[in-house]
Every structure is written in structure tokens, then in C-alpha cells.
Amino acid sequence: MIVAVSRFSVPREQAEALAARFRGRGRRVDGHPGFLGLEVLRGQGPTPEFLLVTRWADRAALKAYLRSEDFRLAHAEGEELGAEFATFEVVAT
């Protein structure tokens, strides 16, 4: 299993609107082959930090999604510009 993590901050005044957008997300990613789940986490520090954690069956499934039109549409709003992105292989649970 592969876990992909995006980490980014937004101005405090935008944090609740962004959280609401994630709660109402279109769920396009949910139907992609190999997609196993998504969590959106919001930190409680002075500058709101978000973590998007997606789980994938394998690296090929993640790569296919990253090249998809659904990925482009999901990120068109641009809140995640400058996000840190990393992938991890799950080696134990």
C-alpha cells in the first residue's frame, strides 16, 4: 500500500471555508482503481495547516490518478499551491 501526503497552510480566515469545501468534495477520486481512502486533517496551531492523506493499493494506481482529469479538476481551486507532497510505502500496520 502507498500513502500520499500533501501538507500546506492557509490564512486563518480561509481555514473554515476550505474545511467545508473538503467536507463537500466531489468524491471523484473515490472511484479511481486502487483508491483506498482519504483523510483531511486540520492542525490547531496559529496558522491553520492541512494534511491530505490518501491511501492507494500501489504506486501505479496513484500515478494514474495524478495524471487524470479528475486530479486536475480537484486541484483547480489552487489552495494547495506550494504544498509539500510525499509518498510512503506502508511496511507494517
PDB file of N, CA and C in Angstrom:
ATOM      1  N   MET A   1       0.847  -1.178   0.000  1.00  0.00           N
ATOM      2  CA  MET A   1       0.000   0.000   0.000  1.00  0.00           C
ATOM      3  C   MET A   1       0.889   1.236   0.000  1.00  0.00           C
ATOM      4  N   ILE A   2       0.422   2.265  -0.694  1.00  0.00           N
ATOM      5  CA  ILE A   2       1.115   3.552  -0.783  1.00  0.00           C
ATOM      6  C   ILE A   2       0.250   4.616  -0.111  1.00  0.00           C
ATOM      7  N   VAL A   3       0.881   5.472   0.675  1.00  0.00           N
ATOM      8  CA  VAL A   3       0.194   6.603   1.300  1.00  0.00           C
ATOM      9  C   VAL A   3       0.822   7.877   0.746  1.00  0.00           C
ATOM     10  N   ALA A   4      -0.034   8.768   0.245  1.00  0.00           N
ATOM     11  CA  ALA A   4       0.423  10.059  -0.272  1.00  0.00           C
ATOM     12  C   ALA A   4      -0.059  11.148   0.682  1.00  0.00           C
ATOM     13  N   VAL A   5       0.844  12.063   1.040  1.00  0.00           N
ATOM     14  CA  VAL A   5       0.524  13.126   1.987  1.00  0.00           C
ATOM     15  C   VAL A   5       0.859  14.472   1.368  1.00  0.00           C
ATOM     16  N   SER A   6      -0.133  15.358   1.348  1.00  0.00           N
ATOM     17  CA  SER A   6       0.079  16.751   0.959  1.00  0.00           C
ATOM     18  C   SER A   6      -0.077  17.594   2.206  1.00  0.00           C
ATOM     19  N   ARG A   7       0.846  18.527   2.413  1.00  0.00           N
ATOM     20  CA  ARG A   7       0.843  19.378   3.609  1.00  0.00           C
ATOM     21  C   ARG A   7       0.931  20.830   3.166  1.00  0.00           C
ATOM     22  N   PHE A   8      -0.017  21.656   3.652  1.00  0.00           N
ATOM     23  CA  PHE A   8       0.003  23.070   3.282  1.00  0.00           C
ATOM     24  C   PHE A   8      -0.723  23.893   4.335  1.00  0.00           C
ATOM     25  N   SER A   9      -0.442  25.178   4.345  1.00  0.00           N
ATOM     26  CA  SER A   9      -1.076  26.116   5.275  1.00  0.00           C
ATOM     27  C   SER A   9      -1.902  27.112   4.485  1.00  0.00           C
ATOM     28  N   VAL A  10      -2.914  27.657   5.153  1.00  0.00           N
ATOM     29  CA  VAL A  10      -3.748  28.710   4.564  1.00  0.00           C
ATOM     30  C   VAL A  10      -3.915  29.807   5.610  1.00  0.00           C
ATOM     31  N   PRO A  11      -4.246  31.013   5.174  1.00  0.00           N
ATOM     32  CA  PRO A  11      -4.540  32.068   6.152  1.00  0.00           C
ATOM     33  C   PRO A  11      -5.718  31.656   7.039  1.00  0.00           C
ATOM     34  N   ARG A  12      -5.661  32.045   8.296  1.00  0.00           N
ATOM     35  CA  ARG A  12      -6.689  31.652   9.267  1.00  0.00           C
ATOM     36  C   ARG A  12      -8.104  31.940   8.760  1.00  0.00           C
ATOM     37  N   GLU A  13      -8.299  33.073   8.104  1.00  0.00           N
ATOM     38  CA  GLU A  13      -9.645  33.451   7.654  1.00  0.00           C
ATOM     39  C   GLU A  13     -10.168  32.555   6.525  1.00  0.00           C
ATOM     40  N   GLN A  14      -9.304  31.752   5.925  1.00  0.00           N
ATOM     41  CA  GLN A  14      -9.726  30.842   4.861  1.00  0.00           C
ATOM     42  C   GLN A  14      -9.901  29.400   5.336  1.00  0.00           C
ATOM     43  N   ALA A  15      -9.479  29.119   6.544  1.00  0.00           N
ATOM     44  CA  ALA A  15      -9.429  27.734   7.016  1.00  0.00           C
ATOM     45  C   ALA A  15     -10.799  27.066   7.077  1.00  0.00           C
ATOM     46  N   GLU A  16     -11.794  27.733   7.629  1.00  0.00           N
ATOM     47  CA  GLU A  16     -13.100  27.080   7.763  1.00  0.00           C
ATOM     48  C   GLU A  16     -13.751  26.871   6.401  1.00  0.00           C
ATOM     49  N   ALA A  17     -13.616  27.831   5.503  1.00  0.00           N
ATOM     50  CA  ALA A  17     -14.182  27.665   4.159  1.00  0.00           C
ATOM     51  C   ALA A  17     -13.515  26.499   3.433  1.00  0.00           C
ATOM     52  N   LEU A  18     -12.214  26.355   3.603  1.00  0.00           N
ATOM     53  CA  LEU A  18     -11.511  25.251   2.971  1.00  0.00           C
ATOM     54  C   LEU A  18     -11.952  23.923   3.575  1.00  0.00           C
ATOM     55  N   ALA A  19     -12.082  23.873   4.901  1.00  0.00           N
ATOM     56  CA  ALA A  19     -12.543  22.645   5.554  1.00  0.00           C
ATOM     57  C   ALA A  19     -13.935  22.265   5.042  1.00  0.00           C
ATOM     58  N   ALA A  20     -14.807  23.250   4.878  1.00  0.00           N
ATOM     59  CA  ALA A  20     -16.156  22.990   4.368  1.00  0.00           C
ATOM     60  C   ALA A  20     -16.093  22.466   2.932  1.00  0.00           C
ATOM     61  N   ARG A  21     -15.174  23.013   2.143  1.00  0.00           N
ATOM     62  CA  ARG A  21     -15.022  22.530   0.761  1.00  0.00           C
ATOM     63  C   ARG A  21     -14.596  21.071   0.740  1.00  0.00           C
ATOM     64  N   PHE A  22     -13.690  20.696   1.628  1.00  0.00           N
ATOM     65  CA  PHE A  22     -13.277  19.291   1.687  1.00  0.00           C
ATOM     66  C   PHE A  22     -14.428  18.398   2.151  1.00  0.00           C
ATOM     67  N   ARG A  23     -15.226  18.861   3.116  1.00  0.00           N
ATOM     68  CA  ARG A  23     -16.374  18.062   3.572  1.00  0.00           C
ATOM     69  C   ARG A  23     -17.377  17.853   2.435  1.00  0.00           C
ATOM     70  N   GLY A  24     -17.506  18.825   1.552  1.00  0.00           N
ATOM     71  CA  GLY A  24     -18.440  18.729   0.440  1.00  0.00           C
ATOM     72  C   GLY A  24     -17.791  18.322  -0.868  1.00  0.00           C
ATOM     73  N   ARG A  25     -16.618  17.751  -0.805  1.00  0.00           N
ATOM     74  CA  ARG A  25     -15.850  17.427  -2.007  1.00  0.00           C
ATOM     75  C   ARG A  25     -16.643  16.540  -2.968  1.00  0.00           C
ATOM     76  N   GLY A  26     -16.298  16.608  -4.227  1.00  0.00           N
ATOM     77  CA  GLY A  26     -16.998  15.876  -5.272  1.00  0.00           C
ATOM     78  C   GLY A  26     -16.808  14.370  -5.248  1.00  0.00           C
ATOM     79  N   ARG A  27     -15.824  13.892  -4.534  1.00  0.00           N
ATOM     80  CA  ARG A  27     -15.546  12.458  -4.390  1.00  0.00           C
ATOM     81  C   ARG A  27     -15.175  11.764  -5.705  1.00  0.00           C
ATOM     82  N   ARG A  28     -14.636  12.526  -6.645  1.00  0.00           N
ATOM     83  CA  ARG A  28     -14.213  11.929  -7.914  1.00  0.00           C
ATOM     84  C   ARG A  28     -13.121  10.884  -7.709  1.00  0.00           C
ATOM     85  N   VAL A  29     -12.221  11.146  -6.773  1.00  0.00           N
ATOM     86  CA  VAL A  29     -11.110  10.224  -6.544  1.00  0.00           C
ATOM     87  C   VAL A  29     -11.608   8.862  -6.048  1.00  0.00           C
ATOM     88  N   ASP A  30     -12.744   8.851  -5.379  1.00  0.00           N
ATOM     89  CA  ASP A  30     -13.231   7.617  -4.760  1.00  0.00           C
ATOM     90  C   ASP A  30     -13.412   6.472  -5.754  1.00  0.00           C
ATOM     91  N   GLY A  31     -13.727   6.781  -7.001  1.00  0.00           N
ATOM     92  CA  GLY A  31     -13.961   5.746  -7.997  1.00  0.00           C
ATOM     93  C   GLY A  31     -12.735   5.297  -8.761  1.00  0.00           C
ATOM     94  N   HIS A  32     -11.585   5.886  -8.470  1.00  0.00           N
ATOM     95  CA  HIS A  32     -10.379   5.509  -9.214  1.00  0.00           C
ATOM     96  C   HIS A  32      -9.869   4.142  -8.764  1.00  0.00           C
ATOM     97  N   PRO A  33      -9.468   3.316  -9.731  1.00  0.00           N
ATOM     98  CA  PRO A  33      -8.923   1.996  -9.383  1.00  0.00           C
ATOM     99  C   PRO A  33      -7.749   2.127  -8.418  1.00  0.00           C
ATOM    100  N   GLY A  34      -7.768   1.340  -7.373  1.00  0.00           N
ATOM    101  CA  GLY A  34      -6.686   1.331  -6.399  1.00  0.00           C
ATOM    102  C   GLY A  34      -6.823   2.334  -5.280  1.00  0.00           C
ATOM    103  N   PHE A  35      -7.818   3.227  -5.337  1.00  0.00           N
ATOM    104  CA  PHE A  35      -8.023   4.204  -4.262  1.00  0.00           C
ATOM    105  C   PHE A  35      -8.603   3.493  -3.054  1.00  0.00           C
ATOM    106  N   LEU A  36      -7.993   3.699  -1.883  1.00  0.00           N
ATOM    107  CA  LEU A  36      -8.430   3.018  -0.665  1.00  0.00           C
ATOM    108  C   LEU A  36      -9.020   3.952   0.385  1.00  0.00           C
ATOM    109  N   GLY A  37      -8.762   5.245   0.295  1.00  0.00           N
ATOM    110  CA  GLY A  37      -9.347   6.153   1.273  1.00  0.00           C
ATOM    111  C   GLY A  37      -8.624   7.478   1.357  1.00  0.00           C
ATOM    112  N   LEU A  38      -9.299   8.443   1.995  1.00  0.00           N
ATOM    113  CA  LEU A  38      -8.782   9.801   2.157  1.00  0.00           C
ATOM    114  C   LEU A  38      -9.139  10.321   3.534  1.00  0.00           C
ATOM    115  N   GLU A  39      -8.198  10.961   4.175  1.00  0.00           N
ATOM    116  CA  GLU A  39      -8.449  11.716   5.395  1.00  0.00           C
ATOM    117  C   GLU A  39      -7.920  13.128   5.168  1.00  0.00           C
ATOM    118  N   VAL A  40      -8.681  14.113   5.653  1.00  0.00           N
ATOM    119  CA  VAL A  40      -8.247  15.509   5.618  1.00  0.00           C
ATOM    120  C   VAL A  40      -8.108  15.944   7.068  1.00  0.00           C
ATOM    121  N   LEU A  41      -6.913  16.353   7.447  1.00  0.00           N
ATOM    122  CA  LEU A  41      -6.621  16.738   8.827  1.00  0.00           C
ATOM    123  C   LEU A  41      -6.308  18.221   8.890  1.00  0.00           C
ATOM    124  N   ARG A  42      -6.813  18.885   9.926  1.00  0.00           N
ATOM    125  CA  ARG A  42      -6.518  20.316  10.124  1.00  0.00           C
ATOM    126  C   ARG A  42      -5.836  20.477  11.468  1.00  0.00           C
ATOM    127  N   GLY A  43      -4.653  21.093  11.454  1.00  0.00           N
ATOM    128  CA  GLY A  43      -3.922  21.364  12.683  1.00  0.00           C
ATOM    129  C   GLY A  43      -4.590  22.483  13.470  1.00  0.00           C
ATOM    130  N   GLN A  44      -4.224  22.591  14.713  1.00  0.00           N
ATOM    131  CA  GLN A  44      -4.836  23.570  15.604  1.00  0.00           C
ATOM    132  C   GLN A  44      -3.892  24.697  15.988  1.00  0.00           C
ATOM    133  N   GLY A  45      -2.804  24.865  15.258  1.00  0.00           N
ATOM    134  CA  GLY A  45      -1.835  25.916  15.559  1.00  0.00           C
ATOM    135  C   GLY A  45      -2.306  27.280  15.108  1.00  0.00           C
ATOM    136  N   PRO A  46      -1.487  28.302  15.315  1.00  0.00           N
ATOM    137  CA  PRO A  46      -1.854  29.673  14.967  1.00  0.00           C
ATOM    138  C   PRO A  46      -2.067  29.887  13.468  1.00  0.00           C
ATOM    139  N   THR A  47      -1.347  29.159  12.630  1.00  0.00           N
ATOM    140  CA  THR A  47      -1.566  29.199  11.190  1.00  0.00           C
ATOM    141  C   THR A  47      -2.139  27.849  10.792  1.00  0.00           C
ATOM    142  N   PRO A  48      -3.389  27.818  10.334  1.00  0.00           N
ATOM    143  CA  PRO A  48      -4.018  26.528  10.036  1.00  0.00           C
ATOM    144  C   PRO A  48      -3.240  25.736   8.980  1.00  0.00           C
ATOM    145  N   GLU A  49      -2.892  24.535   9.364  1.00  0.00           N
ATOM    146  CA  GLU A  49      -2.170  23.632   8.483  1.00  0.00           C
ATOM    147  C   GLU A  49      -3.080  22.450   8.163  1.00  0.00           C
ATOM    148  N   PHE A  50      -3.091  22.044   6.912  1.00  0.00           N
ATOM    149  CA  PHE A  50      -3.897  20.914   6.477  1.00  0.00           C
ATOM    150  C   PHE A  50      -2.989  19.797   5.991  1.00  0.00           C
ATOM    151  N   LEU A  51      -3.404  18.564   6.251  1.00  0.00           N
ATOM    152  CA  LEU A  51      -2.766  17.378   5.699  1.00  0.00           C
ATOM    153  C   LEU A  51      -3.836  16.605   4.944  1.00  0.00           C
ATOM    154  N   LEU A  52      -3.571  16.277   3.693  1.00  0.00           N
ATOM    155  CA  LEU A  52      -4.429  15.403   2.919  1.00  0.00           C
ATOM    156  C   LEU A  52      -3.699  14.081   2.813  1.00  0.00           C
ATOM    157  N   VAL A  53      -4.313  13.038   3.314  1.00  0.00           N
ATOM    158  CA  VAL A  53      -3.695  11.722   3.348  1.00  0.00           C
ATOM    159  C   VAL A  53      -4.542  10.780   2.500  1.00  0.00           C
ATOM    160  N   THR A  54      -3.981  10.289   1.409  1.00  0.00           N
ATOM    161  CA  THR A  54      -4.697   9.318   0.586  1.00  0.00           C
ATOM    162  C   THR A  54      -3.954   7.992   0.631  1.00  0.00           C
ATOM    163  N   ARG A  55      -4.728   6.928   0.561  1.00  0.00           N
ATOM    164  CA  ARG A  55      -4.173   5.574   0.569  1.00  0.00           C
ATOM    165  C   ARG A  55      -4.495   4.901  -0.753  1.00  0.00           C
ATOM    166  N   TRP A  56      -3.490   4.232  -1.324  1.00  0.00           N
ATOM    167  CA  TRP A  56      -3.598   3.614  -2.637  1.00  0.00           C
ATOM    168  C   TRP A  56      -3.101   2.178  -2.593  1.00  0.00           C
ATOM    169  N   ALA A  57      -3.673   1.327  -3.412  1.00  0.00           N
ATOM    170  CA  ALA A  57      -3.258  -0.080  -3.461  1.00  0.00           C
ATOM    171  C   ALA A  57      -1.794  -0.216  -3.857  1.00  0.00           C
ATOM    172  N   ASP A  58      -1.360   0.640  -4.802  1.00  0.00           N
ATOM    173  CA  ASP A  58       0.030   0.579  -5.264  1.00  0.00           C
ATOM    174  C   ASP A  58       0.410   1.895  -5.930  1.00  0.00           C
ATOM    175  N   ARG A  59       1.672   2.036  -6.235  1.00  0.00           N
ATOM    176  CA  ARG A  59       2.204   3.265  -6.833  1.00  0.00           C
ATOM    177  C   ARG A  59       1.599   3.525  -8.216  1.00  0.00           C
ATOM    178  N   ALA A  60       1.337   2.474  -8.977  1.00  0.00           N
ATOM    179  CA  ALA A  60       0.761   2.647 -10.313  1.00  0.00           C
ATOM    180  C   ALA A  60      -0.626   3.285 -10.236  1.00  0.00           C
ATOM    181  N   ALA A  61      -1.424   2.903  -9.258  1.00  0.00           N
ATOM    182  CA  ALA A  61      -2.760   3.482  -9.099  1.00  0.00           C
ATOM    183  C   ALA A  61      -2.666   4.969  -8.762  1.00  0.00           C
ATOM    184  N   LEU A  62      -1.750   5.325  -7.868  1.00  0.00           N
ATOM    185  CA  LEU A  62      -1.556   6.733  -7.524  1.00  0.00           C
ATOM    186  C   LEU A  62      -1.105   7.524  -8.753  1.00  0.00           C
ATOM    187  N   LYS A  63      -0.130   7.004  -9.484  1.00  0.00           N
ATOM    188  CA  LYS A  63       0.367   7.703 -10.673  1.00  0.00           C
ATOM    189  C   LYS A  63      -0.741   7.913 -11.698  1.00  0.00           C
ATOM    190  N   ALA A  64      -1.589   6.912 -11.898  1.00  0.00           N
ATOM    191  CA  ALA A  64      -2.692   7.044 -12.851  1.00  0.00           C
ATOM    192  C   ALA A  64      -3.636   8.160 -12.412  1.00  0.00           C
ATOM    193  N   TYR A  65      -3.927   8.245 -11.129  1.00  0.00           N
ATOM    194  CA  TYR A  65      -4.808   9.317 -10.644  1.00  0.00           C
ATOM    195  C   TYR A  65      -4.145  10.685 -10.832  1.00  0.00           C
ATOM    196  N   LEU A  66      -2.864  10.804 -10.504  1.00  0.00           N
ATOM    197  CA  LEU A  66      -2.168  12.083 -10.630  1.00  0.00           C
ATOM    198  C   LEU A  66      -2.146  12.591 -12.071  1.00  0.00           C
ATOM    199  N   ARG A  67      -2.298  11.706 -13.037  1.00  0.00           N
ATOM    200  CA  ARG A  67      -2.321  12.086 -14.457  1.00  0.00           C
ATOM    201  C   ARG A  67      -3.745  12.306 -14.973  1.00  0.00           C
ATOM    202  N   SER A  68      -4.743  12.104 -14.137  1.00  0.00           N
ATOM    203  CA  SER A  68      -6.133  12.124 -14.590  1.00  0.00           C
ATOM    204  C   SER A  68      -6.740  13.528 -14.632  1.00  0.00           C
ATOM    205  N   GLU A  69      -7.791  13.651 -15.416  1.00  0.00           N
ATOM    206  CA  GLU A  69      -8.575  14.881 -15.470  1.00  0.00           C
ATOM    207  C   GLU A  69      -9.231  15.139 -14.107  1.00  0.00           C
ATOM    208  N   ASP A  70      -9.637  14.095 -13.416  1.00  0.00           N
ATOM    209  CA  ASP A  70     -10.238  14.261 -12.087  1.00  0.00           C
ATOM    210  C   ASP A  70      -9.260  14.937 -11.126  1.00  0.00           C
ATOM    211  N   PHE A  71      -7.987  14.577 -11.179  1.00  0.00           N
ATOM    212  CA  PHE A  71      -6.989  15.225 -10.330  1.00  0.00           C
ATOM    213  C   PHE A  71      -6.878  16.699 -10.677  1.00  0.00           C
ATOM    214  N   ARG A  72      -6.800  17.004 -11.965  1.00  0.00           N
ATOM    215  CA  ARG A  72      -6.686  18.399 -12.394  1.00  0.00           C
ATOM    216  C   ARG A  72      -7.886  19.211 -11.917  1.00  0.00           C
ATOM    217  N   LEU A  73      -9.080  18.680 -12.057  1.00  0.00           N
ATOM    218  CA  LEU A  73     -10.285  19.391 -11.624  1.00  0.00           C
ATOM    219  C   LEU A  73     -10.324  19.568 -10.107  1.00  0.00           C
ATOM    220  N   ALA A  74      -9.912  18.560  -9.376  1.00  0.00           N
ATOM    221  CA  ALA A  74      -9.941  18.624  -7.910  1.00  0.00           C
ATOM    222  C   ALA A  74      -8.988  19.679  -7.373  1.00  0.00           C
ATOM    223  N   HIS A  75      -7.938  19.990  -8.114  1.00  0.00           N
ATOM    224  CA  HIS A  75      -6.934  20.936  -7.645  1.00  0.00           C
ATOM    225  C   HIS A  75      -6.997  22.286  -8.354  1.00  0.00           C
ATOM    226  N   ALA A  76      -8.055  22.507  -9.095  1.00  0.00           N
ATOM    227  CA  ALA A  76      -8.192  23.744  -9.867  1.00  0.00           C
ATOM    228  C   ALA A  76      -8.356  24.975  -8.984  1.00  0.00           C
ATOM    229  N   GLU A  77      -8.856  24.812  -7.766  1.00  0.00           N
ATOM    230  CA  GLU A  77      -9.066  25.952  -6.863  1.00  0.00           C
ATOM    231  C   GLU A  77      -7.749  26.575  -6.421  1.00  0.00           C
ATOM    232  N   GLY A  78      -6.686  25.785  -6.309  1.00  0.00           N
ATOM    233  CA  GLY A  78      -5.370  26.317  -6.052  1.00  0.00           C
ATOM    234  C   GLY A  78      -4.985  26.544  -4.597  1.00  0.00           C
ATOM    235  N   GLU A  79      -5.822  26.156  -3.629  1.00  0.00           N
ATOM    236  CA  GLU A  79      -5.455  26.359  -2.224  1.00  0.00           C
ATOM    237  C   GLU A  79      -4.163  25.635  -1.851  1.00  0.00           C
ATOM    238  N   GLU A  80      -3.859  24.595  -2.592  1.00  0.00           N
ATOM    239  CA  GLU A  80      -2.719  23.764  -2.232  1.00  0.00           C
ATOM    240  C   GLU A  80      -1.430  24.178  -2.936  1.00  0.00           C
ATOM    241  N   LEU A  81      -1.425  25.346  -3.562  1.00  0.00           N
ATOM    242  CA  LEU A  81      -0.203  25.804  -4.203  1.00  0.00           C
ATOM    243  C   LEU A  81       0.910  25.882  -3.166  1.00  0.00           C
ATOM    244  N   GLY A  82       2.059  25.371  -3.518  1.00  0.00           N
ATOM    245  CA  GLY A  82       3.169  25.386  -2.583  1.00  0.00           C
ATOM    246  C   GLY A  82       3.124  24.262  -1.561  1.00  0.00           C
ATOM    247  N   ALA A  83       2.215  23.310  -1.753  1.00  0.00           N
ATOM    248  CA  ALA A  83       2.101  22.204  -0.801  1.00  0.00           C
ATOM    249  C   ALA A  83       3.334  21.312  -0.860  1.00  0.00           C
ATOM    250  N   GLU A  84       3.670  20.766   0.289  1.00  0.00           N
ATOM    251  CA  GLU A  84       4.683  19.714   0.343  1.00  0.00           C
ATOM    252  C   GLU A  84       3.970  18.412   0.022  1.00  0.00           C
ATOM    253  N   PHE A  85       4.576  17.576  -0.812  1.00  0.00           N
ATOM    254  CA  PHE A  85       3.958  16.314  -1.209  1.00  0.00           C
ATOM    255  C   PHE A  85       4.971  15.207  -1.035  1.00  0.00           C
ATOM    256  N   ALA A  86       4.549  14.112  -0.408  1.00  0.00           N
ATOM    257  CA  ALA A  86       5.441  12.973  -0.216  1.00  0.00           C
ATOM    258  C   ALA A  86       4.631  11.682  -0.289  1.00  0.00           C
ATOM    259  N   THR A  87       5.294  10.635  -0.726  1.00  0.00           N
ATOM    260  CA  THR A  87       4.650   9.324  -0.737  1.00  0.00           C
ATOM    261  C   THR A  87       5.444   8.376   0.153  1.00  0.00           C
ATOM    262  N   PHE A  88       4.713   7.426   0.712  1.00  0.00           N
ATOM    263  CA  PHE A  88       5.284   6.466   1.639  1.00  0.00           C
ATOM    264  C   PHE A  88       4.754   5.078   1.328  1.00  0.00           C
ATOM    265  N   GLU A  89       5.601   4.078   1.482  1.00  0.00           N
ATOM    266  CA  GLU A  89       5.162   2.701   1.368  1.00  0.00           C
ATOM    267  C   GLU A  89       4.827   2.199   2.770  1.00  0.00           C
ATOM    268  N   VAL A  90       3.674   1.596   2.936  1.00  0.00           N
ATOM    269  CA  VAL A  90       3.296   1.025   4.224  1.00  0.00           C
ATOM    270  C   VAL A  90       4.055  -0.282   4.385  1.00  0.00           C
ATOM    271  N   VAL A  91       4.839  -0.375   5.450  1.00  0.00           N
ATOM    272  CA  VAL A  91       5.626  -1.590   5.670  1.00  0.00           C
ATOM    273  C   VAL A  91       5.129  -2.387   6.863  1.00  0.00           C
ATOM    274  N   ALA A  92       4.224  -1.811   7.662  1.00  0.00           N
ATOM    275  CA  ALA A  92       3.628  -2.528   8.791  1.00  0.00           C
ATOM    276  C   ALA A  92       2.366  -1.803   9.225  1.00  0.00           C
ATOM    277  N   THR A  93       1.412  -2.563   9.737  1.00  0.00           N
ATOM    278  CA  THR A  93       0.195  -1.959  10.302  1.00  0.00           C
ATOM    279  C   THR A  93      -0.081  -2.547  11.667  1.00  0.00           C
TER     280      THR A  93
END
